C-alpha atoms as a PDB file:
ATOM      1  CA  MET A   1      23.755  38.034 -51.173  1.00  0.00           C
ATOM      2  CA  PHE A   2      22.617  40.095 -48.257  1.00  0.00           C
ATOM      3  CA  ARG A   3      25.986  41.765 -48.121  1.00  0.00           C
ATOM      4  CA  VAL A   4      25.974  42.657 -51.953  1.00  0.00           C
ATOM      5  CA  PHE A   5      22.509  44.121 -51.613  1.00  0.00           C
ATOM      6  CA  SER A   6      23.585  46.176 -48.458  1.00  0.00           C
ATOM      7  CA  PHE A   7      26.852  47.506 -50.106  1.00  0.00           C
ATOM      8  CA  LEU A   8      24.577  48.659 -53.196  1.00  0.00           C
ATOM      9  CA  ILE A   9      22.187  50.443 -50.868  1.00  0.00           C
ATOM     10  CA  ALA A  10      24.992  51.944 -48.974  1.00  0.00           C
ATOM     11  CA  ALA A  11      26.503  52.931 -52.268  1.00  0.00           C
ATOM     12  CA  ALA A  12      23.529  54.531 -53.706  1.00  0.00           C
ATOM     13  CA  SER A  13      22.809  56.319 -50.564  1.00  0.00           C
ATOM     14  CA  LEU A  14      26.458  57.851 -50.639  1.00  0.00           C
ATOM     15  CA  SER A  15      26.241  58.953 -54.112  1.00  0.00           C
ATOM     16  CA  ALA A  16      22.763  60.657 -53.498  1.00  0.00           C
ATOM     17  CA  CYS A  17      24.333  62.935 -51.123  1.00  0.00           C
ATOM     18  CA  ALA A  18      27.542  63.848 -52.835  1.00  0.00           C
ATOM     19  CA  ASN A  19      26.015  65.572 -55.960  1.00  0.00           C
ATOM     20  CA  GLU A  20      28.304  68.512 -55.576  1.00  0.00           C
ATOM     21  CA  VAL A  21      31.489  69.432 -53.712  1.00  0.00           C
ATOM     22  CA  SER A  22      32.301  73.045 -52.648  1.00  0.00           C
ATOM     23  CA  VAL A  23      35.636  74.369 -51.896  1.00  0.00           C
ATOM     24  CA  PRO A  24      36.767  77.715 -50.206  1.00  0.00           C
ATOM     25  CA  ALA A  25      38.107  80.488 -52.698  1.00  0.00           C
ATOM     26  CA  THR A  26      40.366  83.386 -51.045  1.00  0.00           C
ATOM     27  CA  GLY A  27      42.141  86.400 -52.947  1.00  0.00           C
ATOM     28  CA  ARG A  28      41.496  89.774 -53.948  1.00  0.00           C
ATOM     29  CA  ILE A  29      39.738  91.987 -56.418  1.00  0.00           C
ATOM     30  CA  GLY A  30      41.921  94.905 -57.034  1.00  0.00           C
ATOM     31  CA  THR A  31      43.584  95.594 -53.560  1.00  0.00           C
ATOM     32  CA  GLU A  32      40.653  94.456 -51.822  1.00  0.00           C
ATOM     33  CA  LEU A  33      40.466  90.939 -50.047  1.00  0.00           C
ATOM     34  CA  ALA A  34      37.594  88.621 -51.165  1.00  0.00           C
ATOM     35  CA  GLN A  35      36.366  85.041 -50.142  1.00  0.00           C
ATOM     36  CA  GLY A  36      33.815  82.857 -51.520  1.00  0.00           C
ATOM     37  CA  ALA A  37      33.461  79.468 -52.852  1.00  0.00           C
ATOM     38  CA  ALA A  38      33.709  77.219 -56.001  1.00  0.00           C
ATOM     39  CA  THR A  39      31.015  74.384 -56.353  1.00  0.00           C
ATOM     40  CA  ALA A  40      31.321  71.539 -58.623  1.00  0.00           C
ATOM     41  CA  ARG A  41      28.170  69.564 -59.313  1.00  0.00           C
ATOM     42  CA  LEU A  42      27.547  66.158 -61.140  1.00  0.00           C
ATOM     43  CA  SER A  43      25.184  67.503 -63.392  1.00  0.00           C
ATOM     44  CA  GLY A  44      27.995  69.704 -64.809  1.00  0.00           C
ATOM     45  CA  GLU A  45      26.656  72.872 -63.465  1.00  0.00           C
ATOM     46  CA  GLY A  46      29.772  74.380 -61.841  1.00  0.00           C
ATOM     47  CA  SER A  47      29.432  77.885 -60.177  1.00  0.00           C
ATOM     48  CA  PHE A  48      31.679  80.243 -58.183  1.00  0.00           C
ATOM     49  CA  PHE A  49      31.787  83.529 -56.440  1.00  0.00           C
ATOM     50  CA  ALA A  50      33.866  85.813 -54.364  1.00  0.00           C
ATOM     51  CA  MET A  51      32.703  88.818 -51.970  1.00  0.00           C
ATOM     52  CA  THR A  52      34.581  91.632 -50.617  1.00  0.00           C
ATOM     53  CA  PRO A  53      33.873  93.540 -46.917  1.00  0.00           C
ATOM     54  CA  ARG A  54      32.364  96.372 -48.944  1.00  0.00           C
ATOM     55  CA  GLY A  55      29.622  94.169 -50.744  1.00  0.00           C
ATOM     56  CA  LEU A  56      31.222  93.639 -54.051  1.00  0.00           C
ATOM     57  CA  ARG A  57      30.021  90.150 -55.411  1.00  0.00           C
ATOM     58  CA  CYS A  58      31.338  88.597 -58.653  1.00  0.00           C
ATOM     59  CA  GLU A  59      30.340  85.218 -59.730  1.00  0.00           C
ATOM     60  CA  GLY A  60      30.285  82.830 -62.811  1.00  0.00           C
ATOM     61  CA  THR A  61      29.475  79.458 -64.066  1.00  0.00           C
ATOM     62  CA  TYR A  62      31.402  76.810 -65.661  1.00  0.00           C
ATOM     63  CA  ASP A  63      31.263  73.274 -67.189  1.00  0.00           C
ATOM     64  CA  SER A  64      32.457  71.106 -63.837  1.00  0.00           C
ATOM     65  CA  LEU A  65      32.834  67.980 -65.967  1.00  0.00           C
ATOM     66  CA  THR A  66      35.223  68.859 -68.303  1.00  0.00           C
ATOM     67  CA  THR A  67      38.764  67.370 -67.977  1.00  0.00           C
ATOM     68  CA  GLU A  68      40.546  70.520 -69.437  1.00  0.00           C
ATOM     69  CA  PRO A  69      43.009  71.977 -66.795  1.00  0.00           C
ATOM     70  CA  THR A  70      42.712  75.360 -67.803  1.00  0.00           C
ATOM     71  CA  LEU A  71      39.223  77.077 -68.373  1.00  0.00           C
ATOM     72  CA  SER A  72      38.361  80.606 -69.625  1.00  0.00           C
ATOM     73  CA  VAL A  73      35.044  81.805 -67.646  1.00  0.00           C
ATOM     74  CA  PRO A  74      33.303  84.818 -67.908  1.00  0.00           C
ATOM     75  CA  ILE A  75      32.050  86.667 -64.750  1.00  0.00           C
ATOM     76  CA  ARG A  76      29.625  89.360 -63.802  1.00  0.00           C
ATOM     77  CA  CYS A  77      29.641  91.485 -60.570  1.00  0.00           C
ATOM     78  CA  ASN A  78      26.652  93.074 -58.697  1.00  0.00           C
ATOM     79  CA  ASP A  79      28.066  96.762 -59.567  1.00  0.00           C
ATOM     80  CA  GLY A  80      27.728  96.072 -63.224  1.00  0.00           C
ATOM     81  CA  ARG A  81      31.345  94.993 -64.216  1.00  0.00           C
ATOM     82  CA  THR A  82      32.150  92.063 -66.076  1.00  0.00           C
ATOM     83  CA  GLY A  83      35.125  90.067 -66.970  1.00  0.00           C
ATOM     84  CA  ASN A  84      37.066  86.845 -67.799  1.00  0.00           C
ATOM     85  CA  LEU A  85      38.672  84.515 -65.307  1.00  0.00           C
ATOM     86  CA  ILE A  86      41.490  82.048 -66.599  1.00  0.00           C
ATOM     87  CA  ILE A  87      41.073  79.035 -63.864  1.00  0.00           C
ATOM     88  CA  THR A  88      43.940  76.565 -63.591  1.00  0.00           C
ATOM     89  CA  ARG A  89      43.107  73.402 -61.805  1.00  0.00           C
ATOM     90  CA  GLN A  90      45.738  71.432 -60.088  1.00  0.00           C
ATOM     91  CA  LEU A  91      46.149  67.643 -60.618  1.00  0.00           C
ATOM     92  CA  ASN A  92      43.706  66.748 -57.963  1.00  0.00           C
ATOM     93  CA  GLY A  93      40.878  69.093 -59.684  1.00  0.00           C
ATOM     94  CA  ILE A  94      39.797  70.514 -56.576  1.00  0.00           C
ATOM     95  CA  SER A  95      42.455  73.042 -56.011  1.00  0.00           C
ATOM     96  CA  GLY A  96      43.743  75.536 -58.368  1.00  0.00           C
ATOM     97  CA  THR A  97      44.039  79.450 -59.048  1.00  0.00           C
ATOM     98  CA  ALA A  98      42.030  81.986 -61.012  1.00  0.00           C
ATOM     99  CA  ILE A  99      43.320  85.304 -62.275  1.00  0.00           C
ATOM    100  CA  GLY A 100      41.361  87.776 -64.590  1.00  0.00           C
ATOM    101  CA  ARG A 101      40.556  91.319 -65.024  1.00  0.00           C
ATOM    102  CA  LEU A 102      37.223  93.203 -64.944  1.00  0.00           C
ATOM    103  CA  SER A 103      35.779  95.484 -67.637  1.00  0.00           C
ATOM    104  CA  ASP A 104      37.599  98.565 -65.788  1.00  0.00           C
ATOM    105  CA  GLY A 105      40.969  97.021 -65.596  1.00  0.00           C
ATOM    106  CA  THR A 106      40.785  95.790 -62.161  1.00  0.00           C
ATOM    107  CA  LEU A 107      42.817  92.608 -61.324  1.00  0.00           C
ATOM    108  CA  GLY A 108      41.479  89.661 -59.723  1.00  0.00           C
ATOM    109  CA  GLN A 109      43.450  86.702 -58.383  1.00  0.00           C
ATOM    110  CA  PHE A 110      42.189  83.775 -56.404  1.00  0.00           C
ATOM    111  CA  VAL A 111      43.039  80.353 -55.019  1.00  0.00           C
ATOM    112  CA  PHE A 112      40.681  77.559 -54.277  1.00  0.00           C
ATOM    113  CA  GLY A 113      40.564  74.435 -52.482  1.00  0.00           C
ATOM    114  CA  ASP A 114      43.829  73.599 -50.224  1.00  0.00           C
ATOM    115  CA  LEU A 115      46.107  75.968 -52.105  1.00  0.00           C
ATOM    116  CA  THR A 116      47.128  79.207 -50.105  1.00  0.00           C
ATOM    117  CA  PHE A 117      47.489  82.387 -51.716  1.00  0.00           C
ATOM    118  CA  ASP A 118      51.144  82.584 -50.844  1.00  0.00           C
ATOM    119  CA  GLN A 119      51.771  79.244 -52.694  1.00  0.00           C
ATOM    120  CA  ALA A 120      50.174  80.308 -55.909  1.00  0.00           C
ATOM    121  CA  PHE A 121      51.195  84.109 -56.119  1.00  0.00           C
ATOM    122  CA  GLY A 122      53.896  84.645 -53.482  1.00  0.00           C
ATOM    123  CA  GLY A 123      53.648  86.772 -50.371  1.00  0.00           C
ATOM    124  CA  SER A 124      51.878  89.570 -51.813  1.00  0.00           C
ATOM    125  CA  GLY A 125      48.307  88.930 -50.957  1.00  0.00           C
ATOM    126  CA  ALA A 126      45.922  87.046 -48.666  1.00  0.00           C
ATOM    127  CA  SER A 127      47.836  84.464 -46.768  1.00  0.00           C
ATOM    128  CA  THR A 128      44.897  82.683 -45.596  1.00  0.00           C
ATOM    129  CA  ARG A 129      43.780  79.101 -46.625  1.00  0.00           C
END
């Protein structure tokens, strides 16, 4: 009985700590490299952001509990531009790609999780993990 009780306490403690999972995101906005993160929360409130060295920051929110492999997500940037990202998750649900255009036509391409930019888009961009 004590072992069962100890296991339940440990499981509850672990689940309390794991309310969210964040993974790195790398890519580019236009010709500028960008980095950020995607965060999935057990509450369903997923969020992501990407920043460039010049200070451009674009971000959005999504339903992190959906089981759909591909999502269409609105984004907004700190310079007033808006856009839409098409996010495609791999089977592990943690890695994937995001592509989209901002309101001025600027293309954005990103990978997140353990996928590299070169794996997703070829040798034409950020080759960091």
